[in-house]
N, C-alpha and C. Protein backbone atom coordinates (compact mmCIF):
# COMPACT_ATOMS: atom_id res chain seq x y z
N UNK A 1 -77.71 -18.29 -39.87
CA UNK A 1 -76.43 -18.35 -39.23
C UNK A 1 -75.95 -19.79 -39.25
N UNK A 2 -74.69 -19.99 -39.54
CA UNK A 2 -74.10 -21.33 -39.53
C UNK A 2 -73.15 -21.42 -38.34
N UNK A 3 -73.35 -22.43 -37.52
CA UNK A 3 -72.49 -22.68 -36.36
C UNK A 3 -71.29 -23.49 -36.82
N UNK A 4 -70.10 -22.96 -36.60
CA UNK A 4 -68.88 -23.63 -37.07
C UNK A 4 -67.96 -24.08 -35.93
N UNK A 5 -68.34 -23.76 -34.71
CA UNK A 5 -67.55 -24.16 -33.55
C UNK A 5 -68.49 -24.84 -32.57
N UNK A 6 -67.96 -25.31 -31.45
CA UNK A 6 -68.82 -25.98 -30.46
C UNK A 6 -69.93 -25.08 -29.97
N UNK A 7 -69.62 -23.83 -29.74
CA UNK A 7 -70.62 -22.90 -29.24
C UNK A 7 -71.21 -22.06 -30.36
N UNK A 8 -72.48 -21.72 -30.24
CA UNK A 8 -73.17 -20.97 -31.30
C UNK A 8 -72.78 -19.50 -31.35
N UNK A 9 -72.16 -18.97 -30.31
CA UNK A 9 -71.83 -17.55 -30.28
C UNK A 9 -70.44 -17.26 -30.84
N UNK A 10 -69.51 -18.18 -30.71
CA UNK A 10 -68.13 -17.95 -31.15
C UNK A 10 -68.06 -17.90 -32.68
N UNK A 11 -67.44 -16.85 -33.18
CA UNK A 11 -67.23 -16.74 -34.62
C UNK A 11 -68.49 -16.42 -35.41
N UNK A 12 -69.55 -15.97 -34.73
CA UNK A 12 -70.79 -15.61 -35.42
C UNK A 12 -71.23 -14.23 -34.93
N UNK A 13 -72.26 -13.72 -35.56
CA UNK A 13 -72.81 -12.44 -35.11
C UNK A 13 -74.08 -12.65 -34.29
N UNK A 14 -74.22 -13.81 -33.68
CA UNK A 14 -75.42 -14.13 -32.92
C UNK A 14 -75.67 -13.14 -31.78
N UNK A 15 -74.63 -12.78 -31.06
CA UNK A 15 -74.79 -11.83 -29.96
C UNK A 15 -75.38 -10.52 -30.48
N UNK A 16 -74.83 -10.00 -31.55
CA UNK A 16 -75.30 -8.73 -32.10
C UNK A 16 -76.73 -8.86 -32.62
N UNK A 17 -77.03 -9.96 -33.27
CA UNK A 17 -78.40 -10.16 -33.79
C UNK A 17 -79.42 -10.17 -32.65
N UNK A 18 -79.10 -10.92 -31.59
CA UNK A 18 -80.03 -11.01 -30.47
C UNK A 18 -80.18 -9.67 -29.77
N UNK A 19 -79.08 -8.98 -29.56
CA UNK A 19 -79.16 -7.66 -28.90
C UNK A 19 -79.96 -6.67 -29.74
N UNK A 20 -79.80 -6.73 -31.06
CA UNK A 20 -80.56 -5.83 -31.94
C UNK A 20 -82.06 -6.07 -31.82
N UNK A 21 -82.43 -7.29 -31.48
CA UNK A 21 -83.84 -7.64 -31.30
C UNK A 21 -84.33 -7.39 -29.87
N UNK A 22 -83.42 -6.97 -28.99
CA UNK A 22 -83.79 -6.73 -27.60
C UNK A 22 -83.88 -7.99 -26.76
N UNK A 23 -83.29 -9.07 -27.23
CA UNK A 23 -83.33 -10.35 -26.51
C UNK A 23 -82.43 -10.28 -25.28
N UNK A 24 -82.94 -10.75 -24.16
CA UNK A 24 -82.15 -10.82 -22.92
C UNK A 24 -82.06 -12.24 -22.38
N UNK A 25 -82.92 -13.11 -22.86
CA UNK A 25 -83.02 -14.50 -22.36
C UNK A 25 -82.84 -15.45 -23.53
N UNK A 26 -82.00 -16.48 -23.35
CA UNK A 26 -81.86 -17.52 -24.36
C UNK A 26 -82.15 -18.88 -23.74
N UNK A 27 -82.73 -19.75 -24.54
CA UNK A 27 -83.00 -21.12 -24.14
C UNK A 27 -82.07 -22.00 -24.97
N UNK A 28 -81.24 -22.78 -24.31
CA UNK A 28 -80.23 -23.57 -25.01
C UNK A 28 -80.59 -25.05 -24.93
N UNK A 29 -80.64 -25.69 -26.10
CA UNK A 29 -80.91 -27.12 -26.21
C UNK A 29 -79.90 -27.70 -27.19
N UNK A 30 -79.87 -29.02 -27.34
CA UNK A 30 -78.99 -29.60 -28.34
C UNK A 30 -78.73 -31.07 -28.17
N UNK A 31 -77.85 -31.58 -29.02
CA UNK A 31 -77.59 -33.01 -29.08
C UNK A 31 -76.22 -33.41 -28.54
N UNK A 32 -75.49 -32.48 -27.99
CA UNK A 32 -74.19 -32.80 -27.39
C UNK A 32 -74.04 -31.97 -26.11
N UNK A 33 -74.68 -32.44 -25.05
CA UNK A 33 -74.74 -31.69 -23.80
C UNK A 33 -73.37 -31.22 -23.34
N UNK A 34 -72.41 -32.13 -23.30
CA UNK A 34 -71.10 -31.83 -22.73
C UNK A 34 -70.20 -30.99 -23.62
N UNK A 35 -70.58 -30.78 -24.86
CA UNK A 35 -69.75 -29.95 -25.75
C UNK A 35 -70.56 -28.78 -26.29
N UNK A 36 -71.40 -29.02 -27.29
CA UNK A 36 -72.12 -27.93 -27.95
C UNK A 36 -73.06 -27.17 -27.04
N UNK A 37 -73.87 -27.88 -26.28
CA UNK A 37 -74.82 -27.21 -25.38
C UNK A 37 -74.06 -26.43 -24.31
N UNK A 38 -73.10 -27.08 -23.70
CA UNK A 38 -72.35 -26.41 -22.64
C UNK A 38 -71.57 -25.22 -23.18
N UNK A 39 -70.92 -25.36 -24.33
CA UNK A 39 -70.16 -24.24 -24.90
C UNK A 39 -71.08 -23.07 -25.22
N UNK A 40 -72.23 -23.35 -25.81
CA UNK A 40 -73.18 -22.29 -26.15
C UNK A 40 -73.72 -21.62 -24.89
N UNK A 41 -74.04 -22.41 -23.88
CA UNK A 41 -74.53 -21.84 -22.62
C UNK A 41 -73.47 -20.96 -21.97
N UNK A 42 -72.24 -21.41 -21.96
CA UNK A 42 -71.15 -20.60 -21.37
C UNK A 42 -71.00 -19.28 -22.13
N UNK A 43 -71.01 -19.35 -23.46
CA UNK A 43 -70.83 -18.15 -24.26
C UNK A 43 -72.00 -17.18 -24.07
N UNK A 44 -73.21 -17.71 -23.99
CA UNK A 44 -74.38 -16.86 -23.76
C UNK A 44 -74.28 -16.17 -22.40
N UNK A 45 -73.90 -16.92 -21.39
CA UNK A 45 -73.74 -16.37 -20.05
C UNK A 45 -72.67 -15.28 -20.04
N UNK A 46 -71.54 -15.56 -20.67
CA UNK A 46 -70.44 -14.59 -20.71
C UNK A 46 -70.82 -13.34 -21.49
N UNK A 47 -71.75 -13.46 -22.44
CA UNK A 47 -72.22 -12.31 -23.21
C UNK A 47 -73.29 -11.52 -22.46
N UNK A 48 -73.69 -12.02 -21.29
CA UNK A 48 -74.65 -11.30 -20.47
C UNK A 48 -76.10 -11.69 -20.65
N UNK A 49 -76.37 -12.76 -21.37
CA UNK A 49 -77.74 -13.22 -21.52
C UNK A 49 -78.16 -14.05 -20.32
N UNK A 50 -79.44 -14.02 -20.00
CA UNK A 50 -80.01 -14.94 -19.02
C UNK A 50 -80.18 -16.27 -19.74
N UNK A 51 -79.72 -17.34 -19.14
CA UNK A 51 -79.68 -18.64 -19.80
C UNK A 51 -80.66 -19.60 -19.14
N UNK A 52 -81.45 -20.28 -19.97
CA UNK A 52 -82.36 -21.32 -19.51
C UNK A 52 -81.99 -22.61 -20.22
N UNK A 53 -81.95 -23.69 -19.46
CA UNK A 53 -81.52 -24.98 -19.99
C UNK A 53 -82.54 -26.06 -19.68
N UNK A 54 -83.44 -26.37 -20.62
CA UNK A 54 -84.41 -27.45 -20.41
C UNK A 54 -83.69 -28.81 -20.57
N UNK A 55 -83.47 -29.47 -19.47
CA UNK A 55 -82.64 -30.67 -19.43
C UNK A 55 -83.17 -31.80 -20.31
N UNK A 56 -84.49 -31.89 -20.44
CA UNK A 56 -85.05 -32.96 -21.27
C UNK A 56 -85.03 -32.63 -22.76
N UNK A 57 -84.45 -31.49 -23.13
CA UNK A 57 -84.33 -31.10 -24.53
C UNK A 57 -82.88 -31.12 -24.98
N UNK A 58 -82.10 -31.98 -24.34
CA UNK A 58 -80.69 -32.16 -24.71
C UNK A 58 -80.28 -33.59 -24.42
N UNK A 59 -79.23 -34.01 -25.09
CA UNK A 59 -78.72 -35.36 -24.89
C UNK A 59 -77.25 -35.39 -25.25
N UNK A 60 -76.60 -36.48 -24.94
CA UNK A 60 -75.20 -36.66 -25.28
C UNK A 60 -74.93 -38.16 -25.42
N UNK A 61 -74.12 -38.52 -26.39
CA UNK A 61 -73.76 -39.94 -26.53
C UNK A 61 -72.99 -40.43 -25.30
N UNK A 62 -72.39 -39.49 -24.59
CA UNK A 62 -71.63 -39.82 -23.38
C UNK A 62 -72.48 -39.43 -22.17
N UNK A 63 -73.13 -40.40 -21.57
CA UNK A 63 -74.02 -40.15 -20.44
C UNK A 63 -73.31 -39.42 -19.30
N UNK A 64 -72.05 -39.76 -19.05
CA UNK A 64 -71.32 -39.10 -17.97
C UNK A 64 -71.11 -37.61 -18.25
N UNK A 65 -70.86 -37.26 -19.51
CA UNK A 65 -70.68 -35.85 -19.88
C UNK A 65 -71.99 -35.09 -19.66
N UNK A 66 -73.09 -35.69 -20.08
CA UNK A 66 -74.40 -35.08 -19.89
C UNK A 66 -74.66 -34.85 -18.40
N UNK A 67 -74.49 -35.90 -17.63
CA UNK A 67 -74.77 -35.83 -16.19
C UNK A 67 -73.88 -34.79 -15.49
N UNK A 68 -72.61 -34.72 -15.88
CA UNK A 68 -71.70 -33.76 -15.26
C UNK A 68 -72.14 -32.32 -15.57
N UNK A 69 -72.44 -32.05 -16.83
CA UNK A 69 -72.87 -30.70 -17.21
C UNK A 69 -74.13 -30.30 -16.46
N UNK A 70 -75.10 -31.21 -16.41
CA UNK A 70 -76.37 -30.93 -15.74
C UNK A 70 -76.17 -30.67 -14.25
N UNK A 71 -75.35 -31.48 -13.60
CA UNK A 71 -75.19 -31.38 -12.15
C UNK A 71 -74.22 -30.29 -11.71
N UNK A 72 -73.17 -30.03 -12.50
CA UNK A 72 -72.10 -29.17 -12.00
C UNK A 72 -71.89 -27.86 -12.76
N UNK A 73 -72.22 -27.84 -14.04
CA UNK A 73 -71.95 -26.64 -14.83
C UNK A 73 -73.21 -25.78 -14.99
N UNK A 74 -74.29 -26.38 -15.43
CA UNK A 74 -75.49 -25.62 -15.75
C UNK A 74 -76.05 -24.82 -14.58
N UNK A 75 -76.04 -25.34 -13.35
CA UNK A 75 -76.56 -24.51 -12.24
C UNK A 75 -75.78 -23.21 -12.04
N UNK A 76 -74.55 -23.15 -12.51
CA UNK A 76 -73.75 -21.93 -12.40
C UNK A 76 -74.02 -20.94 -13.53
N UNK A 77 -74.60 -21.45 -14.63
CA UNK A 77 -74.80 -20.62 -15.81
C UNK A 77 -76.21 -20.07 -15.96
N UNK A 78 -77.17 -20.75 -15.36
CA UNK A 78 -78.54 -20.29 -15.54
C UNK A 78 -79.54 -21.17 -14.83
N UNK A 79 -80.77 -21.10 -15.33
CA UNK A 79 -81.86 -21.87 -14.74
C UNK A 79 -82.02 -23.18 -15.50
N UNK A 80 -82.28 -24.25 -14.76
CA UNK A 80 -82.54 -25.54 -15.38
C UNK A 80 -83.95 -25.98 -15.03
N UNK A 81 -84.49 -26.83 -15.85
CA UNK A 81 -85.83 -27.36 -15.64
C UNK A 81 -86.20 -28.24 -16.81
N UNK A 82 -87.48 -28.45 -16.98
CA UNK A 82 -87.97 -29.27 -18.09
C UNK A 82 -88.51 -28.36 -19.19
N UNK A 83 -88.73 -28.95 -20.35
CA UNK A 83 -89.35 -28.21 -21.44
C UNK A 83 -90.72 -27.70 -21.02
N UNK A 84 -91.48 -28.53 -20.33
CA UNK A 84 -92.80 -28.10 -19.84
C UNK A 84 -92.69 -26.90 -18.92
N UNK A 85 -91.66 -26.88 -18.05
CA UNK A 85 -91.45 -25.73 -17.16
C UNK A 85 -91.23 -24.45 -17.97
N UNK A 86 -90.40 -24.56 -19.00
CA UNK A 86 -90.10 -23.39 -19.83
C UNK A 86 -91.34 -22.93 -20.58
N UNK A 87 -92.05 -23.86 -21.20
CA UNK A 87 -93.25 -23.51 -21.97
C UNK A 87 -94.31 -22.86 -21.08
N UNK A 88 -94.40 -23.31 -19.85
CA UNK A 88 -95.40 -22.75 -18.93
C UNK A 88 -95.11 -21.28 -18.60
N UNK A 89 -93.87 -20.87 -18.73
CA UNK A 89 -93.49 -19.49 -18.43
C UNK A 89 -93.64 -18.55 -19.62
N UNK A 90 -93.80 -19.10 -20.81
CA UNK A 90 -93.94 -18.27 -22.00
C UNK A 90 -95.35 -17.71 -22.09
N UNK A 91 -95.47 -16.47 -22.54
CA UNK A 91 -96.82 -15.89 -22.68
C UNK A 91 -97.56 -16.59 -23.82
N UNK A 92 -98.87 -16.64 -23.67
CA UNK A 92 -99.70 -17.21 -24.74
C UNK A 92 -99.58 -16.32 -25.97
N UNK A 93 -99.51 -16.97 -27.12
CA UNK A 93 -99.40 -16.23 -28.38
C UNK A 93 -100.61 -16.58 -29.25
N UNK A 94 -101.14 -15.58 -29.97
CA UNK A 94 -102.29 -15.87 -30.84
C UNK A 94 -101.93 -16.76 -32.01
């Protein structure tokens, strides 16, 4: 899948692909917290997915945009934590 907009769900078949696989939870990371990560998280939430946002797995050239998204937007869209927190919740795989 090629992402052509700020969010990974807009203009793609990502929602359908994930639903076909039975996915209910998405973990969103990225390199533009205030744009790409936030847009993707919003779209995932609006599509009905449970959203997890590991804060230490994202960044933004604009520190204020990153901080605003983390403090004010992400708590409304899903769960936040660290990458270690997320990994600790995943089942062990062989």
